[in-house]
């Protein structure tokens, strides 16, 4: 049972009420349940036209609290009523509803959805750096001093590299396909969310000009944001993104983004399906220090593998997850919404 102030069910109910009052909603029910019952990926649509803005939340489960907040606030501010002619708006609420409901970044199979959109018919990517860190990242015991000891061990294991911090980040977060209980695991097959997003894309977006904003948290400075893209320096998508969102745009492919270059992101998976008529961007909001985020993630992995969710320790770990991914701070949320409004306006949505 969840004891914190915010729940997936509250977020979903708010979104469905707001979206259902003015738009068309399709609810794709997940085969598993959350702590309060049914969970789903909810797709809402407004307007008609060849141009589409997609705003998605919860690709990384718990990050959906922020994404849902942004989506609901935009609906309260009557964004659909301000669409120009020829523009459609789509919101995907809780792309990974299982992670959202259980306050996890991963899905029901410990899969990081943003590492799952690869071609599983061929050889899977190899992350040699992760192999060096794998054992340290799967502790069998979690105690008060586990996190600081773990962090020191990770620093020690990466010390031999020219840029230890950047190497360690790439090794841990770039995606790995060998350790199903580890972090940033990409899976062995397309996940439920992967399959549903491809189906939604085929039904509503194929053949249209799509700008996709996928909302994320926990990377970067507190209350600030990057517009993260995955285009090479000479790719026209990078120039298009910069023309819309300016200095907020950073690419993982050029090494300028705070994010490592990852394998199998949802945006790039959908980009392959739609083609060059799509512009994909991850709107990433900063929260706490990266070491605190990592500590919360590894503790959460331990909790769901070895621990007791209902115990005081389990509840404390879940609170750290919320602190890392959705700070209970009105000033932070005001900053988040100010940036969201700016980014949406720059996307050419408002009449």
Protein backbone atom coordinates (compact mmCIF):
# COMPACT_ATOMS: atom_id res chain seq x y z
CA UNK A 1 0.00 0.00 0.00
CA UNK A 2 1.29 3.47 -0.92
CA UNK A 3 1.44 6.01 1.89
CA UNK A 4 2.88 9.00 0.03
CA UNK A 5 0.86 12.00 -1.12
CA UNK A 6 0.93 11.30 -4.85
CA UNK A 7 -0.31 8.14 -6.56
CA UNK A 8 -0.59 6.95 -10.14
CA UNK A 9 -4.34 6.50 -9.69
CA UNK A 10 -4.81 10.13 -8.66
CA UNK A 11 -2.72 11.29 -11.62
CA UNK A 12 -4.63 9.06 -14.03
CA UNK A 13 -8.06 10.09 -12.74
CA UNK A 14 -7.14 13.76 -13.09
CA UNK A 15 -5.85 13.28 -16.62
CA UNK A 16 -8.87 11.25 -17.76
CA UNK A 17 -11.28 13.85 -16.36
CA UNK A 18 -9.51 16.72 -18.08
CA UNK A 19 -8.85 14.93 -21.37
CA UNK A 20 -12.27 13.30 -21.57
CA UNK A 21 -14.09 16.61 -21.26
CA UNK A 22 -12.76 17.92 -24.58
CA UNK A 23 -10.92 15.11 -26.40
CA UNK A 24 -11.14 11.54 -27.62
CA UNK A 25 -9.55 9.02 -25.22
CA UNK A 26 -8.39 5.46 -25.83
CA UNK A 27 -7.36 3.49 -22.74
CA UNK A 28 -5.07 0.54 -23.34
CA UNK A 29 -5.34 -1.58 -20.21
CA UNK A 30 -2.15 -3.23 -18.99
CA UNK A 31 -2.26 -7.01 -18.33
CA UNK A 32 -0.94 -6.49 -14.79
CA UNK A 33 -2.22 -4.33 -11.95
CA UNK A 34 -0.91 -1.50 -9.83
CA UNK A 35 -1.20 -1.20 -6.05
CA UNK A 36 -4.68 0.31 -6.49
CA UNK A 37 -5.96 -1.88 -9.33
CA UNK A 38 -6.21 -1.31 -13.09
CA UNK A 39 -3.40 0.50 -14.88
CA UNK A 40 -3.33 1.65 -18.50
CA UNK A 41 -1.65 3.66 -21.20
CA UNK A 42 -4.17 6.42 -21.94
CA UNK A 43 -4.10 8.10 -25.35
CA UNK A 44 -5.95 11.39 -25.81
CA UNK A 45 -6.47 13.27 -29.08
CA UNK A 46 -7.68 16.70 -30.10
CA UNK A 47 -8.02 18.40 -33.48
CA UNK A 48 -7.43 17.22 -37.02
CA UNK A 49 -4.65 17.78 -39.48
CA UNK A 50 -1.41 16.62 -41.03
CA UNK A 51 0.70 18.22 -38.31
CA UNK A 52 0.76 16.59 -34.88
CA UNK A 53 2.29 17.47 -31.55
CA UNK A 54 2.71 14.48 -29.24
CA UNK A 55 3.38 15.00 -25.52
CA UNK A 56 4.12 11.77 -23.66
CA UNK A 57 4.66 10.97 -20.00
CA UNK A 58 5.87 8.03 -17.96
CA UNK A 59 8.21 6.35 -20.41
CA UNK A 60 10.36 5.93 -17.33
CA UNK A 61 7.48 5.07 -15.02
CA UNK A 62 7.94 7.26 -11.96
CA UNK A 63 8.96 10.17 -14.17
CA UNK A 64 5.31 10.15 -15.19
CA UNK A 65 4.43 12.14 -12.07
CA UNK A 66 6.12 15.17 -13.59
CA UNK A 67 4.91 14.36 -17.10
CA UNK A 68 1.32 13.96 -15.93
CA UNK A 69 1.55 17.22 -13.99
CA UNK A 70 2.68 19.03 -17.16
CA UNK A 71 0.04 17.38 -19.33
CA UNK A 72 -2.78 18.14 -16.89
CA UNK A 73 -1.66 21.73 -16.37
CA UNK A 74 -1.57 22.31 -20.14
CA UNK A 75 -5.11 20.94 -20.36
CA UNK A 76 -6.24 23.21 -17.51
CA UNK A 77 -4.78 26.09 -19.51
CA UNK A 78 -6.95 25.04 -22.49
CA UNK A 79 -4.15 24.05 -24.83
CA UNK A 80 -6.47 22.02 -27.13
CA UNK A 81 -8.72 25.05 -27.68
CA UNK A 82 -5.75 27.07 -28.92
CA UNK A 83 -4.60 24.67 -31.64
CA UNK A 84 -4.16 26.27 -35.07
CA UNK A 85 -6.03 24.91 -38.08
CA UNK A 86 -4.48 21.74 -39.46
CA UNK A 87 -2.90 20.76 -36.12
CA UNK A 88 -3.63 17.69 -34.02
CA UNK A 89 -2.56 17.21 -30.41
CA UNK A 90 -1.94 13.79 -28.91
CA UNK A 91 -1.07 13.06 -25.30
CA UNK A 92 0.18 9.64 -24.22
CA UNK A 93 -0.31 9.37 -20.46
CA UNK A 94 1.76 6.69 -18.70
CA UNK A 95 3.63 5.01 -21.54
CA UNK A 96 4.98 2.68 -18.83
CA UNK A 97 1.99 2.49 -16.46
CA UNK A 98 3.44 -0.34 -14.38
CA UNK A 99 6.53 1.65 -13.44
CA UNK A 100 4.40 4.76 -12.85
CA UNK A 101 2.01 2.92 -10.53
CA UNK A 102 4.73 1.12 -8.56
CA UNK A 103 7.06 4.17 -8.45
CA UNK A 104 9.71 2.48 -10.52
CA UNK A 105 11.71 3.78 -13.46
CA UNK A 106 11.51 0.36 -15.12
CA UNK A 107 8.55 -1.73 -16.27
CA UNK A 108 7.09 -5.02 -15.06
CA UNK A 109 10.13 -6.93 -16.39
CA UNK A 110 12.78 -4.56 -15.03
CA UNK A 111 13.15 -3.13 -18.55
CA UNK A 112 14.21 0.44 -19.12
CA UNK A 113 11.78 1.31 -21.90
CA UNK A 114 14.19 3.84 -23.37
CA UNK A 115 16.64 1.01 -24.08
CA UNK A 116 14.00 -1.42 -25.45
CA UNK A 117 13.38 -0.01 -28.93
CA UNK A 118 16.08 -1.96 -30.76
CA UNK A 119 16.00 -4.70 -33.41
CA UNK A 120 15.84 -7.90 -31.38
CA UNK A 121 16.12 -10.10 -34.47
CA UNK A 122 19.88 -9.57 -34.64
CA UNK A 123 22.78 -9.58 -32.21
CA UNK A 124 22.10 -7.44 -29.17
CA UNK A 125 24.36 -4.49 -28.35
CA UNK A 126 27.26 -5.25 -26.02
CA UNK A 127 28.09 -2.84 -23.22
CA UNK A 128 31.56 -3.93 -22.12
CA UNK A 129 31.81 -1.14 -19.56
CA UNK A 130 28.73 -2.34 -17.72
CA UNK A 131 30.30 -5.77 -17.28
CA UNK A 132 33.01 -4.11 -15.19
CA UNK A 133 30.41 -2.57 -12.88
CA UNK A 134 27.66 -5.21 -12.94
CA UNK A 135 28.43 -6.98 -9.69
CA UNK A 136 28.66 -3.75 -7.73
CA UNK A 137 25.30 -2.61 -9.14
CA UNK A 138 23.42 -5.66 -7.80
CA UNK A 139 23.93 -5.68 -4.00
CA UNK A 140 22.21 -8.49 -2.10
CA UNK A 141 21.94 -6.44 1.10
CA UNK A 142 20.84 -2.83 1.54
CA UNK A 143 21.85 -1.07 4.73
CA UNK A 144 22.45 2.48 5.83
CA UNK A 145 26.05 2.55 4.58
CA UNK A 146 25.44 0.59 1.35
CA UNK A 147 24.94 3.61 -0.90
CA UNK A 148 28.15 5.51 0.02
CA UNK A 149 30.20 2.30 -0.10
CA UNK A 150 28.72 1.46 -3.48
CA UNK A 151 29.51 4.90 -4.86
CA UNK A 152 33.14 4.63 -3.73
CA UNK A 153 33.44 1.22 -5.34
CA UNK A 154 32.06 2.50 -8.63
CA UNK A 155 34.55 5.37 -8.57
CA UNK A 156 37.36 2.91 -7.91
CA UNK A 157 36.30 0.64 -10.77
CA UNK A 158 36.27 3.55 -13.22
CA UNK A 159 39.38 5.37 -11.99
CA UNK A 160 41.68 3.96 -14.68
CA UNK A 161 39.79 5.68 -17.51
CA UNK A 162 40.77 9.04 -18.95
CA UNK A 163 37.46 10.66 -17.97
CA UNK A 164 36.18 8.41 -15.15
CA UNK A 165 32.90 10.25 -14.57
CA UNK A 166 31.86 10.27 -18.24
CA UNK A 167 33.02 6.67 -18.76
CA UNK A 168 31.07 5.51 -15.72
CA UNK A 169 27.93 7.34 -16.85
CA UNK A 170 28.11 5.80 -20.33
CA UNK A 171 28.81 2.33 -18.93
CA UNK A 172 25.90 2.46 -16.49
CA UNK A 173 23.25 4.36 -18.44
CA UNK A 174 23.94 3.61 -22.11
CA UNK A 175 21.89 0.43 -21.93
CA UNK A 176 22.77 -3.22 -21.34
CA UNK A 177 21.20 -6.51 -22.44
CA UNK A 178 23.04 -9.12 -20.35
CA UNK A 179 21.97 -8.52 -16.75
CA UNK A 180 18.16 -8.77 -16.32
CA UNK A 181 18.32 -7.71 -12.66
CA UNK A 182 20.65 -4.80 -13.31
CA UNK A 183 19.95 -1.16 -14.05
CA UNK A 184 19.25 0.28 -17.52
CA UNK A 185 18.37 -3.20 -18.80
CA UNK A 186 17.03 -3.15 -22.36
CA UNK A 187 15.25 -6.50 -22.31
CA UNK A 188 15.33 -9.55 -24.57
CA UNK A 189 12.24 -8.73 -26.65
CA UNK A 190 9.88 -5.81 -27.32
CA UNK A 191 7.98 -4.99 -24.12
CA UNK A 192 4.24 -4.47 -23.79
CA UNK A 193 4.68 -0.68 -23.85
CA UNK A 194 6.92 -0.94 -26.92
CA UNK A 195 4.28 -2.92 -28.80
CA UNK A 196 1.46 -0.56 -27.79
CA UNK A 197 3.36 2.58 -28.76
CA UNK A 198 4.07 1.13 -32.21
CA UNK A 199 0.37 0.26 -32.59
CA UNK A 200 -0.71 3.77 -31.51
CA UNK A 201 1.81 5.32 -33.89
CA UNK A 202 0.55 3.21 -36.80
CA UNK A 203 -3.07 4.11 -36.05
CA UNK A 204 -2.81 7.83 -35.41
CA UNK A 205 0.49 9.20 -36.64
CA UNK A 206 1.71 7.38 -39.74
CA UNK A 207 1.94 9.70 -42.75
CA UNK A 208 1.75 12.88 -40.67
CA UNK A 209 4.34 15.49 -39.71
CA UNK A 210 5.04 14.72 -36.06
CA UNK A 211 6.82 16.65 -33.31
CA UNK A 212 7.19 14.38 -30.27
CA UNK A 213 8.05 15.67 -26.78
CA UNK A 214 8.75 12.92 -24.24
CA UNK A 215 8.95 14.27 -20.67
CA UNK A 216 11.70 13.02 -18.32
CA UNK A 217 13.26 13.96 -14.98
CA UNK A 218 16.38 13.48 -12.82
CA UNK A 219 19.19 14.58 -15.12
CA UNK A 220 20.66 18.06 -14.95
CA UNK A 221 20.51 21.09 -12.68
CA UNK A 222 17.59 21.47 -10.31
CA UNK A 223 14.63 23.13 -12.02
CA UNK A 224 16.39 23.51 -15.37
CA UNK A 225 15.86 21.51 -18.56
CA UNK A 226 17.51 20.21 -21.70
CA UNK A 227 15.80 19.40 -24.97
CA UNK A 228 17.67 16.18 -25.69
CA UNK A 229 17.83 14.89 -29.26
CA UNK A 230 19.65 11.95 -30.79
CA UNK A 231 20.75 13.36 -34.13
CA UNK A 232 24.23 13.53 -35.64
CA UNK A 233 25.77 16.96 -36.18
CA UNK A 234 24.85 17.06 -39.87
CA UNK A 235 21.38 15.51 -39.49
CA UNK A 236 18.57 17.91 -40.53
CA UNK A 237 16.67 16.97 -37.37
CA UNK A 238 19.28 18.71 -35.22
CA UNK A 239 18.94 21.95 -37.17
CA UNK A 240 15.13 21.71 -37.00
CA UNK A 241 15.23 21.17 -33.24
CA UNK A 242 17.57 24.12 -32.75
CA UNK A 243 15.33 26.33 -34.87
CA UNK A 244 12.41 25.56 -32.55
CA UNK A 245 13.95 25.28 -29.09
CA UNK A 246 17.21 27.14 -29.50
CA UNK A 247 19.93 26.88 -26.88
CA UNK A 248 18.04 24.26 -24.88
CA UNK A 249 18.84 21.65 -27.56
CA UNK A 250 21.70 19.21 -26.98
CA UNK A 251 22.43 15.99 -28.85
CA UNK A 252 23.61 12.72 -27.35
CA UNK A 253 25.30 11.92 -30.66
CA UNK A 254 27.60 14.92 -30.53
CA UNK A 255 28.51 14.41 -26.87
CA UNK A 256 27.06 17.78 -25.85
CA UNK A 257 24.05 16.48 -23.90
CA UNK A 258 24.12 15.63 -20.22
CA UNK A 259 22.70 12.27 -21.29
CA UNK A 260 24.93 9.47 -22.49
CA UNK A 261 24.41 8.16 -26.02
CA UNK A 262 21.83 5.43 -25.43
CA UNK A 263 20.65 2.43 -27.42
CA UNK A 264 16.98 1.81 -28.14
CA UNK A 265 15.15 4.96 -27.04
CA UNK A 266 11.41 5.19 -27.62
CA UNK A 267 11.67 8.40 -29.64
CA UNK A 268 14.19 6.89 -32.04
CA UNK A 269 12.16 3.69 -32.28
CA UNK A 270 9.11 5.67 -33.31
CA UNK A 271 11.22 7.86 -35.61
CA UNK A 272 12.16 4.74 -37.58
CA UNK A 273 8.48 3.88 -37.90
CA UNK A 274 7.35 7.36 -39.02
CA UNK A 275 10.42 8.46 -40.96
CA UNK A 276 11.98 11.87 -41.56
CA UNK A 277 8.64 13.66 -41.08
CA UNK A 278 9.11 13.22 -37.33
CA UNK A 279 11.12 15.38 -34.94
CA UNK A 280 11.77 13.64 -31.60
CA UNK A 281 12.90 15.27 -28.37
CA UNK A 282 13.21 14.33 -24.71
CA UNK A 283 12.40 17.23 -22.37
CA UNK A 284 14.63 16.42 -19.41
CA UNK A 285 14.21 18.26 -16.10
CA UNK A 286 16.95 18.32 -13.49
CA UNK A 287 16.24 17.31 -9.89
CA UNK A 288 18.83 16.16 -7.33
CA UNK A 289 22.50 15.14 -7.66
CA UNK A 290 23.24 12.21 -9.95
CA UNK A 291 24.68 10.20 -7.06
CA UNK A 292 21.36 10.52 -5.19
CA UNK A 293 19.42 9.43 -8.27
CA UNK A 294 21.69 6.43 -8.77
CA UNK A 295 21.47 5.48 -5.11
CA UNK A 296 17.68 5.57 -5.24
CA UNK A 297 17.60 3.48 -8.43
CA UNK A 298 19.89 0.75 -7.10
CA UNK A 299 18.04 0.68 -3.78
CA UNK A 300 14.77 0.29 -5.66
CA UNK A 301 16.21 -2.59 -7.71
CA UNK A 302 17.27 -4.27 -4.47
CA UNK A 303 13.87 -3.64 -2.87
CA UNK A 304 11.87 -5.31 -5.63
CA UNK A 305 14.25 -8.25 -5.76
CA UNK A 306 15.01 -8.89 -2.10
CA UNK A 307 13.13 -6.44 0.13
CA UNK A 308 9.68 -5.80 1.57
CA UNK A 309 7.70 -2.98 -0.05
CA UNK A 310 5.47 -2.57 3.00
CA UNK A 311 8.33 -2.29 5.50
CA UNK A 312 9.59 1.04 6.85
CA UNK A 313 12.75 0.48 4.79
CA UNK A 314 10.69 -0.15 1.68
CA UNK A 315 8.67 3.01 2.21
CA UNK A 316 11.85 5.02 2.84
CA UNK A 317 13.33 3.79 -0.45
CA UNK A 318 10.15 4.73 -2.30
CA UNK A 319 10.29 8.20 -0.75
CA UNK A 320 13.85 8.59 -2.02
CA UNK A 321 12.63 7.60 -5.49
CA UNK A 322 9.96 10.29 -5.34
CA UNK A 323 12.47 12.85 -4.07
CA UNK A 324 14.79 12.01 -6.95
CA UNK A 325 12.19 12.02 -9.73
CA UNK A 326 9.40 14.36 -8.57
CA UNK A 327 10.51 16.82 -5.89
CA UNK A 328 7.78 18.00 -3.53
CA UNK A 329 8.66 21.63 -4.16
CA UNK A 330 6.21 24.22 -5.57
CA UNK A 331 9.07 26.36 -6.87
CA UNK A 332 10.48 23.42 -8.83
CA UNK A 333 7.07 22.76 -10.37
CA UNK A 334 6.63 26.39 -11.29
CA UNK A 335 9.97 26.26 -13.08
CA UNK A 336 8.95 23.01 -14.81
CA UNK A 337 5.72 24.53 -16.11
CA UNK A 338 7.36 27.75 -17.25
CA UNK A 339 9.76 25.72 -19.39
CA UNK A 340 6.98 23.44 -20.64
CA UNK A 341 4.90 26.40 -21.79
CA UNK A 342 7.90 27.91 -23.54
CA UNK A 343 8.78 24.63 -25.31
CA UNK A 344 5.20 23.91 -26.37
CA UNK A 345 4.73 27.42 -27.70
CA UNK A 346 7.97 27.17 -29.66
CA UNK A 347 6.72 23.91 -31.19
CA UNK A 348 4.22 25.89 -33.26
CA UNK A 349 1.13 24.55 -31.52
CA UNK A 350 -0.60 27.76 -30.47
CA UNK A 351 -2.82 29.64 -32.90
